[in-house]
Amino acid sequence: MSYDPDALPPAAKRALAEAEERRKQAEAEAKDQPKELGGRNGPEPVRYGDWEKKGIAIDF
């Protein structure tokens, strides 16, 4: 889906700029984190709201 950035109202342009700045800041903070040793493989389990180990989902 594409859009014409010139057709957006000023509030939408500000919101897009703020979102891009937050994205850049989050990426920079993620790079500053130390690498986890001995952690789980794959995507972060907390992202999906539960942990899965050997096919059993454990909800906190």
C-alpha atoms as a PDB file:
ATOM      1  CA  MET A   1       0.000   0.000   0.000  1.00  0.00           C
ATOM      2  CA  SER A   2       1.462   3.334  -0.975  1.00  0.00           C
ATOM      3  CA  TYR A   3       0.415   6.831  -0.107  1.00  0.00           C
ATOM      4  CA  ASP A   4       1.258  10.326  -1.227  1.00  0.00           C
ATOM      5  CA  PRO A   5       3.171  11.976   1.644  1.00  0.00           C
ATOM      6  CA  ASP A   6       2.217  15.425   0.349  1.00  0.00           C
ATOM      7  CA  ALA A   7      -1.490  14.605   0.696  1.00  0.00           C
ATOM      8  CA  LEU A   8      -1.199  13.843   4.423  1.00  0.00           C
ATOM      9  CA  PRO A   9      -2.329  16.402   6.997  1.00  0.00           C
ATOM     10  CA  PRO A  10       0.396  17.986   9.174  1.00  0.00           C
ATOM     11  CA  ALA A  11      -0.604  15.909  12.229  1.00  0.00           C
ATOM     12  CA  ALA A  12      -0.122  12.670  10.272  1.00  0.00           C
ATOM     13  CA  LYS A  13       3.283  13.829   9.020  1.00  0.00           C
ATOM     14  CA  ARG A  14       4.329  14.605  12.616  1.00  0.00           C
ATOM     15  CA  ALA A  15       3.082  11.197  13.780  1.00  0.00           C
ATOM     16  CA  LEU A  16       5.061   9.407  11.067  1.00  0.00           C
ATOM     17  CA  ALA A  17       8.203  11.382  11.922  1.00  0.00           C
ATOM     18  CA  GLU A  18       7.792  10.606  15.644  1.00  0.00           C
ATOM     19  CA  ALA A  19       7.252   6.901  14.921  1.00  0.00           C
ATOM     20  CA  GLU A  20      10.403   6.783  12.779  1.00  0.00           C
ATOM     21  CA  GLU A  21      12.398   8.483  15.554  1.00  0.00           C
ATOM     22  CA  ARG A  22      11.097   5.969  18.143  1.00  0.00           C
ATOM     23  CA  ARG A  23      12.006   3.098  15.802  1.00  0.00           C
ATOM     24  CA  LYS A  24      15.565   4.416  15.396  1.00  0.00           C
ATOM     25  CA  GLN A  25      15.904   4.924  19.151  1.00  0.00           C
ATOM     26  CA  ALA A  26      14.674   1.389  19.887  1.00  0.00           C
ATOM     27  CA  GLU A  27      17.150  -0.080  17.383  1.00  0.00           C
ATOM     28  CA  ALA A  28      20.000   1.889  18.959  1.00  0.00           C
ATOM     29  CA  GLU A  29      19.037   0.713  22.463  1.00  0.00           C
ATOM     30  CA  ALA A  30      18.806  -2.894  21.256  1.00  0.00           C
ATOM     31  CA  LYS A  31      22.349  -2.703  19.888  1.00  0.00           C
ATOM     32  CA  ASP A  32      23.616  -1.478  23.276  1.00  0.00           C
ATOM     33  CA  GLN A  33      22.288  -4.588  25.049  1.00  0.00           C
ATOM     34  CA  PRO A  34      24.789  -7.371  25.810  1.00  0.00           C
ATOM     35  CA  LYS A  35      24.384 -10.628  23.903  1.00  0.00           C
ATOM     36  CA  GLU A  36      22.573 -13.328  25.849  1.00  0.00           C
ATOM     37  CA  LEU A  37      24.601 -16.463  26.481  1.00  0.00           C
ATOM     38  CA  GLY A  38      22.809 -19.797  26.846  1.00  0.00           C
ATOM     39  CA  GLY A  39      19.404 -18.359  25.974  1.00  0.00           C
ATOM     40  CA  ARG A  40      16.567 -19.860  23.973  1.00  0.00           C
ATOM     41  CA  ASN A  41      16.731 -20.104  20.197  1.00  0.00           C
ATOM     42  CA  GLY A  42      14.157 -18.444  17.987  1.00  0.00           C
ATOM     43  CA  PRO A  43      11.929 -15.444  18.585  1.00  0.00           C
ATOM     44  CA  GLU A  44      11.527 -13.895  22.024  1.00  0.00           C
ATOM     45  CA  PRO A  45       8.881 -16.000  23.853  1.00  0.00           C
ATOM     46  CA  VAL A  46       7.512 -13.068  25.843  1.00  0.00           C
ATOM     47  CA  ARG A  47       6.516 -11.437  22.568  1.00  0.00           C
ATOM     48  CA  TYR A  48       3.744 -13.998  22.124  1.00  0.00           C
ATOM     49  CA  GLY A  49       2.536 -13.970  25.744  1.00  0.00           C
ATOM     50  CA  ASP A  50       3.615 -17.509  26.592  1.00  0.00           C
ATOM     51  CA  TRP A  51       6.633 -19.789  26.732  1.00  0.00           C
ATOM     52  CA  GLU A  52       6.853 -23.040  24.820  1.00  0.00           C
ATOM     53  CA  LYS A  53       9.217 -25.863  25.630  1.00  0.00           C
ATOM     54  CA  LYS A  54       9.039 -29.293  24.003  1.00  0.00           C
ATOM     55  CA  GLY A  55       5.593 -28.524  22.583  1.00  0.00           C
ATOM     56  CA  ILE A  56       4.035 -27.487  25.916  1.00  0.00           C
ATOM     57  CA  ALA A  57       2.950 -23.869  26.255  1.00  0.00           C
ATOM     58  CA  ILE A  58       3.276 -22.382  29.732  1.00  0.00           C
ATOM     59  CA  ASP A  59       1.336 -19.192  30.359  1.00  0.00           C
ATOM     60  CA  PHE A  60       2.512 -16.943  33.161  1.00  0.00           C
END
